[in-house]
Protein backbone atom coordinates (compact mmCIF):
# COMPACT_ATOMS: atom_id res chain seq x y z
CA MET A 1 0.00 0.00 0.00
CA SER A 2 1.47 3.36 -0.98
CA ASP A 3 1.74 6.27 1.42
CA LYS A 4 -1.23 8.59 1.72
CA TYR A 5 -0.54 12.33 1.68
CA ASP A 6 -2.57 15.36 2.52
CA ILE A 7 -1.44 17.05 -0.69
CA ALA A 8 0.51 15.88 -3.74
CA VAL A 9 2.13 18.54 -5.96
CA ILE A 10 3.10 17.38 -9.42
CA GLY A 11 5.88 19.43 -10.99
CA ALA A 12 9.05 20.56 -9.21
CA GLY A 13 9.51 23.80 -11.09
CA VAL A 14 9.42 27.12 -9.31
CA PHE A 15 5.61 27.18 -9.00
CA GLY A 16 5.27 23.63 -7.74
CA SER A 17 8.28 23.58 -5.44
CA TRP A 18 7.31 26.79 -3.65
CA THR A 19 3.67 25.73 -3.36
CA ALA A 20 4.75 22.42 -1.84
CA HIS A 21 7.16 24.27 0.45
CA HIS A 22 4.45 26.54 1.86
CA LEU A 23 2.04 23.61 2.27
CA ALA A 24 4.64 21.55 4.13
CA ARG A 25 5.50 24.51 6.34
CA SER A 26 1.82 24.79 7.26
CA GLY A 27 1.99 21.25 8.66
CA LYS A 28 0.42 19.34 5.80
CA LYS A 29 1.90 15.99 4.77
CA THR A 30 3.11 17.02 1.33
CA VAL A 31 4.82 15.19 -1.51
CA LEU A 32 6.41 16.88 -4.53
CA VAL A 33 6.67 14.76 -7.69
CA ASP A 34 8.68 15.40 -10.86
CA ALA A 35 9.57 13.26 -13.86
CA TYR A 36 13.00 14.76 -14.60
CA GLY A 37 14.02 16.50 -11.37
CA PRO A 38 14.01 20.12 -10.12
CA GLY A 39 15.66 22.60 -12.46
CA ASN A 40 16.07 20.07 -15.26
CA SER A 41 16.93 21.36 -18.72
CA ARG A 42 13.56 20.42 -20.23
CA SER A 43 11.65 22.55 -17.75
CA SER A 44 10.65 26.20 -17.90
CA SER A 45 12.49 26.63 -14.58
CA GLY A 46 15.73 25.22 -15.99
CA GLY A 47 18.71 27.27 -17.09
CA GLU A 48 21.06 29.33 -14.98
CA THR A 49 19.57 32.82 -14.62
CA ARG A 50 16.32 34.79 -14.56
CA ILE A 51 15.63 38.50 -14.16
CA ILE A 52 13.66 39.61 -11.12
CA ARG A 53 12.15 43.07 -11.55
CA MET A 54 9.28 45.01 -10.03
CA GLY A 55 7.95 46.85 -13.09
CA TYR A 56 4.67 45.55 -14.54
CA GLY A 57 2.89 48.54 -16.01
CA SER A 58 -0.37 49.08 -14.14
CA ASP A 59 -0.60 45.45 -12.94
CA GLU A 60 0.09 46.20 -9.30
CA ILE A 61 -0.46 42.63 -8.12
CA TYR A 62 2.65 41.48 -10.00
CA THR A 63 4.74 44.37 -8.67
CA ARG A 64 3.71 43.49 -5.12
CA TRP A 65 4.34 39.78 -5.69
CA SER A 66 7.80 40.45 -7.14
CA ASN A 67 8.71 42.60 -4.16
CA GLN A 68 7.38 40.01 -1.71
CA ALA A 69 9.10 37.18 -3.59
CA LEU A 70 12.49 38.90 -3.56
CA GLY A 71 12.40 39.01 0.23
CA MET A 72 11.60 35.28 0.36
CA TRP A 73 14.36 34.44 -2.14
CA LYS A 74 16.81 36.34 0.05
CA ASP A 75 15.57 34.59 3.19
CA LEU A 76 16.06 31.20 1.52
CA ALA A 77 19.57 32.20 0.47
CA ASP A 78 20.38 33.20 4.06
CA ARG A 79 18.98 29.95 5.49
CA SER A 80 20.70 27.71 2.98
CA GLY A 81 23.97 29.57 2.61
CA VAL A 82 23.56 29.29 -1.18
CA GLU A 83 23.92 32.35 -3.43
CA LEU A 84 20.58 32.71 -5.19
CA PHE A 85 20.39 36.41 -6.05
CA GLN A 86 22.75 38.92 -7.63
CA PRO A 87 21.75 42.62 -7.22
CA THR A 88 22.71 43.77 -10.70
CA GLY A 89 19.87 46.28 -10.92
CA VAL A 90 17.42 46.26 -13.82
CA LEU A 91 17.28 48.92 -16.55
CA TRP A 92 14.00 49.49 -18.43
CA MET A 93 14.60 51.16 -21.80
CA ALA A 94 11.72 53.28 -23.16
CA ARG A 95 10.73 55.51 -26.06
CA GLU A 96 9.36 59.03 -25.73
CA SER A 97 5.67 58.15 -25.32
CA ASP A 98 5.67 54.65 -23.90
CA PRO A 99 2.37 54.05 -22.03
CA TYR A 100 3.48 50.76 -20.46
CA THR A 101 6.64 52.24 -18.96
CA ILE A 102 4.82 55.40 -17.88
CA ALA A 103 2.28 53.18 -16.09
CA THR A 104 5.20 51.29 -14.55
CA LEU A 105 6.52 54.53 -13.07
CA ARG A 106 3.19 55.25 -11.39
CA THR A 107 2.89 51.73 -9.99
CA LEU A 108 6.44 51.64 -8.64
CA GLU A 109 5.82 54.95 -6.89
CA SER A 110 2.45 53.81 -5.52
CA VAL A 111 3.84 50.55 -4.12
CA GLY A 112 6.96 52.23 -2.73
CA ILE A 113 9.59 50.58 -4.91
CA ARG A 114 12.88 52.43 -5.15
CA PHE A 115 13.71 53.54 -8.70
CA GLU A 116 15.47 56.19 -10.76
CA GLN A 117 14.08 57.86 -13.87
CA LEU A 118 16.97 58.44 -16.27
CA ARG A 119 17.02 60.83 -19.21
CA ARG A 120 18.93 60.10 -22.41
CA GLU A 121 21.93 62.16 -21.28
CA ASP A 122 21.94 60.29 -17.94
CA LEU A 123 21.95 56.97 -19.76
CA GLU A 124 24.82 57.91 -22.06
CA ARG A 125 26.91 59.17 -19.18
CA ARG A 126 26.27 56.13 -16.97
CA TYR A 127 26.45 53.45 -19.69
CA PRO A 128 28.83 54.61 -22.45
CA GLN A 129 29.15 50.99 -23.70
CA ILE A 130 25.49 51.09 -24.82
CA ARG A 131 24.32 52.79 -28.02
CA PHE A 132 20.73 53.69 -27.13
CA GLY A 133 19.34 54.32 -30.62
CA ASP A 134 15.70 55.42 -30.34
CA VAL A 135 15.63 54.90 -26.55
CA SER A 136 14.95 58.32 -25.02
CA TRP A 137 14.63 57.52 -21.30
CA ALA A 138 14.65 54.62 -18.85
CA ILE A 139 13.74 53.38 -15.42
CA PHE A 140 16.46 51.88 -13.23
CA GLU A 141 15.48 49.53 -10.38
CA PRO A 142 18.64 49.42 -8.23
CA GLU A 143 17.44 46.71 -5.84
CA SER A 144 16.31 44.25 -8.53
CA GLY A 145 18.61 41.87 -10.34
CA VAL A 146 19.19 38.24 -11.30
CA LEU A 147 18.11 34.95 -9.73
CA MET A 148 20.24 31.83 -10.16
CA ALA A 149 17.36 29.76 -11.51
CA ARG A 150 18.38 26.10 -11.54
CA ARG A 151 20.28 26.47 -8.28
CA ALA A 152 17.32 28.29 -6.72
CA VAL A 153 14.72 25.63 -7.55
CA GLN A 154 16.98 22.85 -6.32
CA THR A 155 17.54 24.78 -3.08
CA VAL A 156 13.77 25.15 -2.56
CA VAL A 157 13.31 21.38 -2.93
CA HIS A 158 16.18 20.66 -0.56
CA ASP A 159 14.67 23.04 1.98
CA LEU A 160 11.27 21.37 1.50
CA THR A 161 12.67 17.97 2.50
CA SER A 162 14.45 19.52 5.50
CA ILE A 163 11.11 20.73 6.93
CA GLY A 164 9.36 17.38 6.52
CA GLY A 165 8.11 17.40 2.94
CA SER A 166 8.78 14.50 0.57
CA TYR A 167 10.15 14.48 -2.96
CA LEU A 168 9.71 11.68 -5.52
CA ARG A 169 11.20 11.43 -9.00
CA LYS A 170 8.32 9.79 -10.80
CA ALA A 171 6.47 10.41 -14.05
CA VAL A 172 2.71 10.66 -14.36
CA ALA A 173 1.32 7.85 -16.53
CA SER A 174 -2.37 8.66 -16.27
CA THR A 175 -5.00 10.61 -14.41
CA SER A 176 -8.47 9.08 -14.11
CA GLN A 177 -10.79 11.94 -14.98
CA LYS A 178 -13.87 9.96 -15.96
CA SER A 179 -14.90 8.72 -12.52
CA SER A 180 -16.16 10.44 -9.38
CA ALA A 181 -12.83 9.99 -7.59
CA PHE A 182 -9.62 11.42 -9.01
CA ARG A 183 -6.76 8.91 -9.34
CA LEU A 184 -3.10 9.45 -10.20
CA THR A 185 -0.87 6.64 -11.47
CA THR A 186 2.85 6.81 -12.28
CA LEU A 187 4.81 5.10 -15.07
CA ASP A 188 6.15 2.47 -12.67
CA GLY A 189 2.57 1.44 -11.90
CA SER A 190 2.33 2.95 -8.44
CA ARG A 191 -0.52 5.17 -7.31
CA ILE A 192 0.01 8.48 -5.55
CA ARG A 193 -2.79 8.86 -3.02
CA ALA A 194 -3.65 12.24 -1.58
CA ASP A 195 -6.62 14.23 -0.34
CA ARG A 196 -5.75 17.03 -2.75
CA TYR A 197 -3.62 17.35 -5.87
CA VAL A 198 -1.85 20.35 -7.40
CA PHE A 199 -0.67 20.08 -11.01
CA ALA A 200 2.11 22.62 -11.58
CA CYS A 201 3.53 20.96 -14.67
CA GLY A 202 4.53 23.99 -16.75
CA PRO A 203 4.72 23.04 -20.45
CA TRP A 204 3.46 19.54 -19.60
CA LEU A 205 0.06 20.80 -18.37
CA PRO A 206 -1.54 20.55 -21.85
CA LYS A 207 -0.20 17.01 -22.16
CA VAL A 208 -1.61 15.91 -18.81
CA PHE A 209 -4.99 17.56 -19.44
CA PRO A 210 -5.23 17.75 -23.24
CA GLU A 211 -8.98 18.20 -23.54
CA LEU A 212 -9.11 20.90 -20.88
CA LEU A 213 -5.84 22.80 -21.48
CA GLY A 214 -4.61 21.74 -24.90
CA GLU A 215 -5.81 25.00 -26.45
CA ARG A 216 -5.40 27.18 -23.36
CA ILE A 217 -1.74 26.66 -22.44
CA HIS A 218 0.75 26.98 -25.30
CA ALA A 219 4.37 25.88 -24.90
CA THR A 220 6.66 27.89 -27.17
CA ARG A 221 10.32 27.52 -28.09
CA GLN A 222 12.60 30.31 -26.80
CA GLU A 223 16.26 30.67 -27.80
CA VAL A 224 18.94 32.23 -25.59
CA PHE A 225 22.50 33.19 -26.56
CA PHE A 226 25.61 33.91 -24.52
CA PHE A 227 28.31 36.04 -26.16
CA GLY A 228 31.95 36.08 -25.08
CA THR A 229 33.35 39.43 -24.00
CA ASN A 230 36.79 40.73 -24.95
CA PRO A 231 39.75 39.75 -22.74
CA GLY A 232 39.91 41.90 -19.61
CA ASP A 233 36.75 43.83 -20.56
CA ASP A 234 34.42 44.21 -17.56
CA ARG A 235 31.97 46.65 -19.18
CA PHE A 236 29.44 43.88 -19.77
CA ALA A 237 29.55 42.42 -16.27
CA SER A 238 27.94 43.70 -13.08
CA PRO A 239 28.20 46.34 -11.65
CA ARG A 240 29.02 48.19 -14.89
CA MET A 241 26.25 46.43 -16.81
CA PRO A 242 22.80 45.85 -15.27
CA ALA A 243 20.20 43.37 -16.40
CA TRP A 244 18.11 45.21 -18.98
CA ILE A 245 14.82 45.01 -20.84
CA ASP A 246 13.86 46.67 -24.12
CA PHE A 247 10.29 45.60 -24.84
CA GLY A 248 10.16 48.06 -27.73
CA SER A 249 12.75 45.90 -29.51
CA GLU A 250 11.47 42.64 -27.99
CA MET A 251 14.89 42.02 -26.46
CA TYR A 252 16.30 41.54 -22.98
CA GLY A 253 19.71 40.70 -21.60
CA LEU A 254 21.77 39.91 -18.52
CA PRO A 255 25.33 40.85 -17.67
CA ASP A 256 28.13 38.30 -17.74
CA ILE A 257 27.46 36.21 -14.62
CA ASP A 258 29.76 33.43 -13.41
CA GLN A 259 31.85 34.04 -16.54
CA ARG A 260 29.22 32.38 -18.75
CA GLY A 261 28.98 35.32 -21.16
CA PHE A 262 26.76 38.29 -21.97
CA LYS A 263 23.22 36.87 -22.26
CA LEU A 264 20.75 38.07 -24.91
CA ALA A 265 17.35 36.71 -25.88
CA LEU A 266 14.39 37.61 -28.03
CA ASP A 267 11.25 38.16 -25.95
CA ARG A 268 8.83 37.03 -28.64
CA HIS A 269 6.82 33.84 -28.56
CA GLY A 270 8.45 31.20 -30.73
CA PRO A 271 6.95 28.15 -32.47
CA PRO A 272 5.28 25.30 -30.54
CA VAL A 273 7.56 22.94 -28.63
CA ASP A 274 7.19 19.51 -27.05
CA PRO A 275 9.07 19.57 -23.71
CA ASP A 276 9.78 15.83 -23.86
CA SER A 277 10.99 15.26 -27.40
CA SER A 278 12.09 18.57 -28.94
CA GLU A 279 15.81 18.89 -29.58
CA ARG A 280 17.42 21.92 -27.95
CA LEU A 281 19.36 23.29 -30.90
CA THR A 282 19.24 27.00 -31.76
CA SER A 283 18.35 28.28 -35.23
CA GLY A 284 20.37 30.53 -37.51
CA ASN A 285 17.58 33.03 -38.19
CA VAL A 286 17.05 33.88 -34.52
CA LEU A 287 20.80 34.17 -33.98
CA ALA A 288 21.04 36.58 -36.93
CA GLU A 289 18.34 38.81 -35.44
CA VAL A 290 19.92 38.75 -31.98
CA ARG A 291 23.40 39.43 -33.37
CA LYS A 292 22.16 42.42 -35.38
CA PHE A 293 20.66 43.89 -32.22
CA LEU A 294 23.88 43.15 -30.32
CA THR A 295 25.94 44.95 -32.97
CA ASP A 296 23.66 47.98 -33.04
CA ARG A 297 23.13 48.36 -29.30
CA PHE A 298 26.51 47.19 -27.96
CA PRO A 299 29.11 48.14 -30.62
CA ALA A 300 32.09 46.76 -28.71
CA MET A 301 30.46 43.30 -28.90
CA LYS A 302 30.11 43.40 -32.71
CA ASP A 303 32.35 40.40 -33.38
CA ALA A 304 31.74 38.61 -30.08
CA PRO A 305 31.59 34.82 -30.45
CA VAL A 306 28.66 32.77 -29.25
CA ILE A 307 30.06 30.71 -26.39
CA GLU A 308 26.89 29.05 -25.17
CA THR A 309 23.26 28.64 -26.26
CA ARG A 310 20.07 27.37 -24.68
CA VAL A 311 16.63 26.47 -25.97
CA CYS A 312 13.99 26.61 -23.27
CA GLN A 313 10.28 27.33 -23.41
CA TYR A 314 7.58 29.63 -22.19
CA GLU A 315 4.17 28.21 -21.40
CA ASN A 316 1.71 30.91 -22.28
CA THR A 317 -1.88 31.57 -21.37
CA SER A 318 -4.00 33.65 -23.73
CA ASP A 319 -3.12 36.96 -22.02
CA GLY A 320 -0.04 36.20 -19.92
CA ASN A 321 -1.83 36.02 -16.57
CA PHE A 322 -1.15 32.87 -14.58
CA LEU A 323 -3.54 29.95 -14.26
CA ILE A 324 -4.47 29.24 -10.63
CA ASP A 325 -7.78 27.43 -10.28
CA ARG A 326 -9.58 24.22 -9.45
CA HIS A 327 -10.21 21.56 -12.04
CA PRO A 328 -13.81 22.13 -13.20
CA GLU A 329 -14.79 18.51 -12.40
CA TYR A 330 -12.77 17.85 -9.22
CA ASP A 331 -12.80 20.20 -6.23
CA ASN A 332 -9.69 18.49 -4.83
CA VAL A 333 -7.56 19.09 -7.96
CA TRP A 334 -5.82 22.44 -8.59
CA LEU A 335 -4.22 23.62 -11.82
CA LEU A 336 -1.24 25.94 -11.59
CA GLY A 337 0.71 27.22 -14.57
CA GLY A 338 0.99 29.68 -17.42
CA GLY A 339 4.30 31.15 -16.27
CA SER A 340 4.40 32.79 -19.69
CA GLY A 341 8.05 33.78 -19.55
CA HIS A 342 7.68 36.08 -16.56
CA GLY A 343 6.65 33.65 -13.82
CA PHE A 344 9.94 32.50 -12.30
CA LYS A 345 10.56 35.56 -10.14
CA HIS A 346 7.12 35.27 -8.51
CA GLY A 347 7.57 31.68 -7.32
CA PRO A 348 7.71 32.25 -3.54
CA ALA A 349 4.78 34.69 -3.47
CA LEU A 350 2.69 32.69 -5.94
CA GLY A 351 3.32 29.51 -3.94
CA GLN A 352 2.20 31.24 -0.76
CA TYR A 353 -0.92 32.57 -2.47
CA THR A 354 -1.80 29.15 -3.92
CA ALA A 355 -1.16 27.33 -0.64
CA SER A 356 -3.44 29.80 1.15
CA LEU A 357 -6.23 29.20 -1.39
CA ILE A 358 -5.91 25.44 -1.00
CA LEU A 359 -5.80 25.49 2.79
CA GLN A 360 -8.67 27.96 3.16
CA ASP A 361 -10.75 26.62 0.26
CA GLY A 362 -10.58 30.09 -1.25
CA ASP A 363 -11.44 31.48 -4.65
CA PRO A 364 -8.67 32.84 -6.90
CA ASP A 365 -8.54 36.34 -8.32
CA PRO A 366 -10.60 36.39 -11.54
CA ARG A 367 -7.50 37.06 -13.66
CA PHE A 368 -6.18 33.60 -12.69
CA ARG A 369 -9.37 31.63 -13.27
CA LEU A 370 -9.61 28.90 -15.88
CA GLU A 371 -12.75 30.45 -17.37
CA ASN A 372 -10.67 33.48 -18.38
CA LYS A 373 -8.06 31.44 -20.26
CA HIS A 374 -9.08 31.64 -23.89
CA THR A 375 -7.86 29.97 -27.06
CA ILE A 376 -7.06 33.21 -28.91
CA ARG A 377 -3.72 34.59 -27.72
CA LYS A 378 -3.49 38.28 -26.92
CA ARG A 379 -0.54 38.85 -24.63
CA ALA A 380 -1.06 41.71 -22.19
CA ILE A 381 1.32 40.86 -19.32
CA PHE A 382 5.08 41.23 -19.88
């Protein structure tokens, strides 16, 4: 007879691991299950680094969650003795009349986030290694920065087991969704028995629940490039180079961290991807677009070699808001996903929010409800 748990969380990415962590801390007998392991290279929480920033236009809930999450990431780093955060600062590049960035200014001020508003002349004086093109002003968040993603998720899972939670490396074979009682079976034939289940499977959610989520959660291929800096040149490493975002050009980047190279990526949804079987090889057309931007915006990096690449994925809802809701047929099954490329930073706060809903039998904010996840994609959250 297999163990019986209060709650089983399937998916050891940042959403699942933090949700399980908060549930275990509340005293619930909790098991976290993952097919490939926390921070694995197939997952949306894999890879080495993620930006954590507070700016979200007028969407104050995400600004507050980012701020709350940063404190919890730092607390975990202090408890574990593992470096999880690097305070590189985050630079938002904007054009003259940029409504999203103007709304971000108002929200940061309202919530009490520290920031600087920089004019073009300020930018050129502070960052002479950047050619700003049509960027006319920017916001700088000095207390934001970079999370060490893979390391961070693995540290959460380690901390979970230290407070009494369980972790199993098992793959879901089937979920019985045609009977009155929900059942979960793994590939090795065992059954995971729990009073409640949380599916935080990232890009696997549409595969686990194809009829329900196949057209509501879209996994897309995202390519990331690391460029080698010139010998002895520290202009593209922190503190001289912050993490930066240029949504007007659909690009973002991170400074050279742990000597892995200057990271650039295109923030545009790529083609569909299968997280199990897709090969993680970058394409020449995306590299050409990224290299052109690199040459124009960072002239000293014009001939920089690519020293590392990654292919990961977003898993996108129709508008970019997360999915946090009950299964429509089972009150004891929760669906958690739609990180949509911006979810990693929020993990601790989102996990706390989800755990609270589960424990108090609460109702999620309407923006997170399944009924508001449509099949036509119109991204509104960045």
